[in-house]
Protein backbone atom coordinates (compact mmCIF):
# COMPACT_ATOMS: atom_id res chain seq x y z
CA UNK A 1 0.00 0.00 0.00
CA UNK A 2 1.44 3.38 -1.02
CA UNK A 3 1.71 6.37 1.32
CA UNK A 4 -1.06 8.12 -0.63
CA UNK A 5 -3.34 5.09 -0.31
CA UNK A 6 -2.68 4.93 3.43
CA UNK A 7 -3.57 8.60 3.85
CA UNK A 8 -6.78 8.24 1.82
CA UNK A 9 -7.78 5.16 3.81
CA UNK A 10 -7.18 7.03 7.05
CA UNK A 11 -9.28 10.01 5.90
CA UNK A 12 -12.08 7.73 4.76
CA UNK A 13 -12.14 6.06 8.14
CA UNK A 14 -12.07 9.42 9.90
CA UNK A 15 -15.18 10.61 8.05
CA UNK A 16 -17.17 7.62 9.33
CA UNK A 17 -16.44 8.31 12.99
CA UNK A 18 -18.76 10.19 15.36
CA UNK A 19 -17.92 13.88 15.18
CA UNK A 20 -17.78 16.52 17.89
CA UNK A 21 -17.72 20.26 17.24
CA UNK A 22 -18.39 23.47 19.14
CA UNK A 23 -17.16 25.52 22.06
CA UNK A 24 -14.63 23.96 24.39
CA UNK A 25 -16.33 25.43 27.45
CA UNK A 26 -20.06 25.97 27.21
CA UNK A 27 -21.96 28.80 28.82
CA UNK A 28 -25.56 29.81 28.26
CA UNK A 29 -24.48 32.30 25.58
CA UNK A 30 -21.76 30.31 23.76
CA UNK A 31 -22.03 28.37 20.49
CA UNK A 32 -23.31 24.84 21.26
CA UNK A 33 -21.01 21.83 21.37
CA UNK A 34 -22.52 19.10 19.19
CA UNK A 35 -21.80 15.49 18.29
CA UNK A 36 -23.42 12.98 15.94
CA UNK A 37 -22.96 9.54 14.41
CA UNK A 38 -21.64 8.77 10.93
CA UNK A 39 -23.58 10.46 8.11
CA UNK A 40 -25.68 8.07 5.94
CA UNK A 41 -23.60 8.88 2.82
CA UNK A 42 -19.80 8.78 2.34
CA UNK A 43 -18.31 12.22 2.91
CA UNK A 44 -15.56 14.08 1.12
CA UNK A 45 -15.14 16.95 3.58
CA UNK A 46 -16.63 18.36 6.80
CA UNK A 47 -16.50 22.12 7.40
CA UNK A 48 -17.16 23.51 10.88
CA UNK A 49 -17.88 27.10 11.93
CA UNK A 50 -18.81 28.59 15.28
CA UNK A 51 -20.15 32.10 15.79
CA UNK A 52 -20.99 34.15 18.86
CA UNK A 53 -24.06 35.51 17.06
CA UNK A 54 -25.21 39.05 16.31
CA UNK A 55 -27.90 40.81 18.33
CA UNK A 56 -30.70 42.77 16.69
CA UNK A 57 -29.22 45.97 18.12
CA UNK A 58 -26.17 45.56 15.88
CA UNK A 59 -27.76 43.82 12.89
CA UNK A 60 -29.32 44.89 9.61
CA UNK A 61 -33.01 44.09 10.05
CA UNK A 62 -34.59 46.01 7.13
CA UNK A 63 -33.37 43.43 4.63
CA UNK A 64 -34.92 40.41 2.85
CA UNK A 65 -32.51 38.26 4.88
CA UNK A 66 -32.02 39.97 8.29
CA UNK A 67 -28.64 39.07 9.78
CA UNK A 68 -29.32 38.96 13.52
CA UNK A 69 -28.81 35.42 14.82
CA UNK A 70 -28.08 33.62 18.12
CA UNK A 71 -24.79 31.88 18.94
CA UNK A 72 -24.45 29.02 16.47
CA UNK A 73 -22.38 26.01 15.47
CA UNK A 74 -22.59 25.16 11.76
CA UNK A 75 -21.44 21.95 10.08
CA UNK A 76 -21.28 21.53 6.27
CA UNK A 77 -21.20 17.91 5.11
CA UNK A 78 -19.85 17.58 1.58
CA UNK A 79 -20.70 14.17 0.16
CA UNK A 80 -19.18 12.47 -2.88
CA UNK A 81 -22.07 12.96 -5.31
CA UNK A 82 -21.49 15.17 -8.33
CA UNK A 83 -24.18 16.98 -10.29
CA UNK A 84 -23.71 19.42 -13.14
CA UNK A 85 -24.59 22.94 -12.03
CA UNK A 86 -26.81 25.16 -14.12
CA UNK A 87 -24.83 27.89 -15.85
CA UNK A 88 -25.83 31.50 -16.34
CA UNK A 89 -29.03 31.45 -14.31
CA UNK A 90 -30.15 32.11 -10.76
CA UNK A 91 -31.02 28.97 -8.83
CA UNK A 92 -30.87 27.36 -5.37
CA UNK A 93 -28.55 24.32 -5.34
CA UNK A 94 -29.11 22.07 -2.34
CA UNK A 95 -26.42 21.11 0.18
CA UNK A 96 -25.98 19.30 3.48
CA UNK A 97 -25.72 21.70 6.40
CA UNK A 98 -26.54 21.39 10.09
CA UNK A 99 -26.89 24.44 12.33
CA UNK A 100 -27.56 24.45 16.06
CA UNK A 101 -28.44 27.80 17.65
CA UNK A 102 -28.42 28.61 21.35
CA UNK A 103 -31.65 30.49 22.03
CA UNK A 104 -31.39 30.92 25.82
CA UNK A 105 -31.23 34.73 25.46
CA UNK A 106 -33.32 35.12 22.32
CA UNK A 107 -35.59 37.75 23.90
CA UNK A 108 -33.06 39.62 26.05
CA UNK A 109 -30.12 39.81 23.61
CA UNK A 110 -32.32 40.26 21.58
CA UNK A 111 -32.38 38.05 18.49
CA UNK A 112 -35.61 39.16 16.81
CA UNK A 113 -35.74 37.34 13.48
CA UNK A 114 -35.74 33.84 14.93
CA UNK A 115 -38.51 34.56 17.45
CA UNK A 116 -41.34 34.14 14.92
CA UNK A 117 -39.81 30.85 13.73
CA UNK A 118 -39.65 29.56 17.31
CA UNK A 119 -43.32 30.37 17.92
CA UNK A 120 -44.41 28.81 14.62
CA UNK A 121 -42.31 25.71 15.24
CA UNK A 122 -43.68 25.20 18.74
CA UNK A 123 -47.23 25.26 17.39
CA UNK A 124 -46.46 22.85 14.55
CA UNK A 125 -44.72 20.41 16.88
CA UNK A 126 -47.83 20.50 19.06
CA UNK A 127 -50.42 20.22 16.25
CA UNK A 128 -48.41 17.85 14.04
CA UNK A 129 -50.25 18.15 10.71
CA UNK A 130 -49.60 15.26 8.33
CA UNK A 131 -49.70 17.49 5.25
CA UNK A 132 -50.00 21.14 4.20
CA UNK A 133 -51.79 22.13 1.02
CA UNK A 134 -52.64 25.83 0.93
CA UNK A 135 -49.83 28.07 -0.30
CA UNK A 136 -49.94 30.39 2.72
CA UNK A 137 -49.20 27.50 5.08
CA UNK A 138 -46.48 26.16 2.78
CA UNK A 139 -44.76 29.55 2.68
CA UNK A 140 -44.96 29.97 6.45
CA UNK A 141 -43.47 26.64 7.46
CA UNK A 142 -40.50 27.20 9.80
CA UNK A 143 -37.34 27.68 7.76
CA UNK A 144 -34.52 29.40 9.62
CA UNK A 145 -32.14 31.06 8.81
CA UNK A 146 -33.92 33.38 6.30
CA UNK A 147 -33.32 32.61 2.60
CA UNK A 148 -34.96 35.48 0.71
CA UNK A 149 -36.82 32.77 -1.22
CA UNK A 150 -40.13 30.95 -1.05
CA UNK A 151 -41.06 27.27 -0.98
CA UNK A 152 -42.17 25.80 -4.31
CA UNK A 153 -43.99 23.04 -2.40
CA UNK A 154 -43.78 21.21 0.91
CA UNK A 155 -44.39 17.45 0.91
CA UNK A 156 -43.46 14.33 2.90
CA UNK A 157 -44.07 15.99 6.28
CA UNK A 158 -42.77 13.90 9.16
CA UNK A 159 -41.45 14.38 12.68
CA UNK A 160 -38.45 13.47 14.76
CA UNK A 161 -38.81 12.53 18.43
CA UNK A 162 -35.28 12.15 19.75
CA UNK A 163 -33.45 12.29 23.06
CA UNK A 164 -32.39 15.87 22.30
CA UNK A 165 -35.86 17.11 21.30
CA UNK A 166 -38.40 17.23 18.47
CA UNK A 167 -38.41 18.42 14.85
CA UNK A 168 -40.53 18.75 11.73
CA UNK A 169 -39.15 17.58 8.36
CA UNK A 170 -40.36 18.26 4.82
CA UNK A 171 -39.21 18.07 1.20
CA UNK A 172 -39.11 21.35 -0.71
CA UNK A 173 -37.40 23.45 -3.34
CA UNK A 174 -36.90 27.22 -3.41
CA UNK A 175 -38.10 29.95 -5.70
CA UNK A 176 -38.11 33.66 -6.33
CA UNK A 177 -41.13 34.72 -8.40
CA UNK A 178 -41.63 31.31 -9.96
CA UNK A 179 -38.81 28.78 -9.94
CA UNK A 180 -37.72 25.69 -11.79
CA UNK A 181 -39.74 22.44 -11.69
CA UNK A 182 -38.45 19.84 -9.23
CA UNK A 183 -34.96 18.57 -10.02
CA UNK A 184 -32.07 16.82 -8.32
CA UNK A 185 -29.85 19.89 -8.14
CA UNK A 186 -32.26 21.88 -5.98
CA UNK A 187 -34.42 19.35 -4.13
CA UNK A 188 -33.95 19.83 -0.38
CA UNK A 189 -34.98 18.05 2.82
CA UNK A 190 -35.60 20.62 5.55
CA UNK A 191 -35.48 19.91 9.29
CA UNK A 192 -36.42 22.45 11.99
CA UNK A 193 -36.39 21.44 15.65
CA UNK A 194 -36.28 22.51 19.29
CA UNK A 195 -34.48 20.89 22.19
CA UNK A 196 -36.56 19.55 25.06
CA UNK A 197 -35.34 22.27 27.40
CA UNK A 198 -36.14 24.97 24.85
CA UNK A 199 -32.58 26.23 24.83
CA UNK A 200 -31.51 25.11 21.33
CA UNK A 201 -32.90 25.51 17.81
CA UNK A 202 -31.84 22.85 15.29
CA UNK A 203 -31.87 23.74 11.59
CA UNK A 204 -30.74 21.42 8.81
CA UNK A 205 -30.83 21.17 5.00
CA UNK A 206 -30.03 18.00 3.09
CA UNK A 207 -29.34 17.56 -0.60
CA UNK A 208 -31.64 14.76 -1.72
CA UNK A 209 -32.32 13.21 -5.11
CA UNK A 210 -35.03 11.03 -6.59
CA UNK A 211 -34.79 8.76 -9.67
CA UNK A 212 -38.04 10.14 -11.11
CA UNK A 213 -36.65 13.69 -11.32
CA UNK A 214 -34.24 15.15 -13.89
CA UNK A 215 -30.71 15.53 -12.53
CA UNK A 216 -30.06 18.87 -14.21
CA UNK A 217 -32.02 22.11 -14.05
CA UNK A 218 -31.78 22.52 -17.82
CA UNK A 219 -33.51 19.16 -18.28
CA UNK A 220 -36.69 20.13 -16.41
CA UNK A 221 -39.93 20.30 -18.43
CA UNK A 222 -41.40 23.53 -19.75
CA UNK A 223 -44.26 24.55 -17.51
CA UNK A 224 -46.27 27.63 -16.55
CA UNK A 225 -44.38 29.76 -14.03
CA UNK A 226 -45.27 28.81 -10.48
CA UNK A 227 -47.02 25.55 -11.38
CA UNK A 228 -45.68 23.03 -8.87
CA UNK A 229 -48.78 20.83 -8.64
CA UNK A 230 -47.21 18.03 -10.74
CA UNK A 231 -44.13 18.03 -8.48
CA UNK A 232 -46.21 17.88 -5.30
CA UNK A 233 -48.34 15.06 -6.69
CA UNK A 234 -45.30 13.06 -7.81
CA UNK A 235 -43.14 13.46 -4.72
CA UNK A 236 -45.95 13.04 -2.18
CA UNK A 237 -46.51 9.43 -3.18
CA UNK A 238 -42.85 8.36 -3.17
CA UNK A 239 -41.54 6.23 -0.31
CA UNK A 240 -38.88 7.53 2.07
CA UNK A 241 -36.51 4.82 0.88
CA UNK A 242 -36.79 5.90 -2.78
CA UNK A 243 -34.85 9.13 -2.09
CA UNK A 244 -31.06 9.31 -1.75
CA UNK A 245 -30.20 9.52 1.03
CA UNK A 246 -33.33 7.78 2.30
CA UNK A 247 -35.43 10.25 4.28
CA UNK A 248 -35.86 7.86 7.20
CA UNK A 249 -32.09 7.41 7.38
CA UNK A 250 -31.64 11.18 7.56
CA UNK A 251 -34.11 11.34 10.44
CA UNK A 252 -32.35 8.45 12.19
CA UNK A 253 -29.01 10.25 11.78
CA UNK A 254 -30.42 13.45 13.25
CA UNK A 255 -31.75 11.47 16.19
CA UNK A 256 -28.12 10.72 17.14
CA UNK A 257 -27.42 14.43 17.60
CA UNK A 258 -26.16 15.47 21.00
CA UNK A 259 -25.92 19.17 21.80
CA UNK A 260 -25.10 21.15 24.91
């Protein structure tokens, strides 16, 4: 075995191990320390960022994407899949990213933008609808941090009940004034959750694909702007296991999250 092969084997093994990130010493206003089991797909790289947050008093709030946010630990999970990116057009490519926010001081700091998401999420986790159909509800599903984009659809609603807390999950794609029909470059699995003690907000996006969708944006069918009914109908009836990664495996992975 060559030196290069040894190094690659070591890195491959490293990416399958449980991972721990965050502040070395936690206080009630520090970025959370988090850990989790091996991701359900092979990974190429893991990027980790921690931030002390930015209070509303110092942030830019009169913006489509206000930038006040609580202390946060962010993990980007770059898997080995490759998809051609659309060229010369505005679009929303999906990615794997996990963010955990500490919301202990959300009202006193204050962090204003996330407060509405917390209230909406608490109600949803209590009511637990199995589906949402009207566009107003679809657009107002919890989705933090702000994106300056709307949801094309929201299907495959499900919930996580884990040791750390509870979350809602749904499949979507993003749009500004009428987007592209569903495709494997932009399809996203959204997770929004709260810890049992109410001190943490969990936000995650996952890049998912489905064999019934075109891989490339430029291969999507011509359709009236804003018509996502065919996508909702198609994706709603697909099994969790038919997506890659399987939606149930993503939920199982998130259930291994530990945060403090």
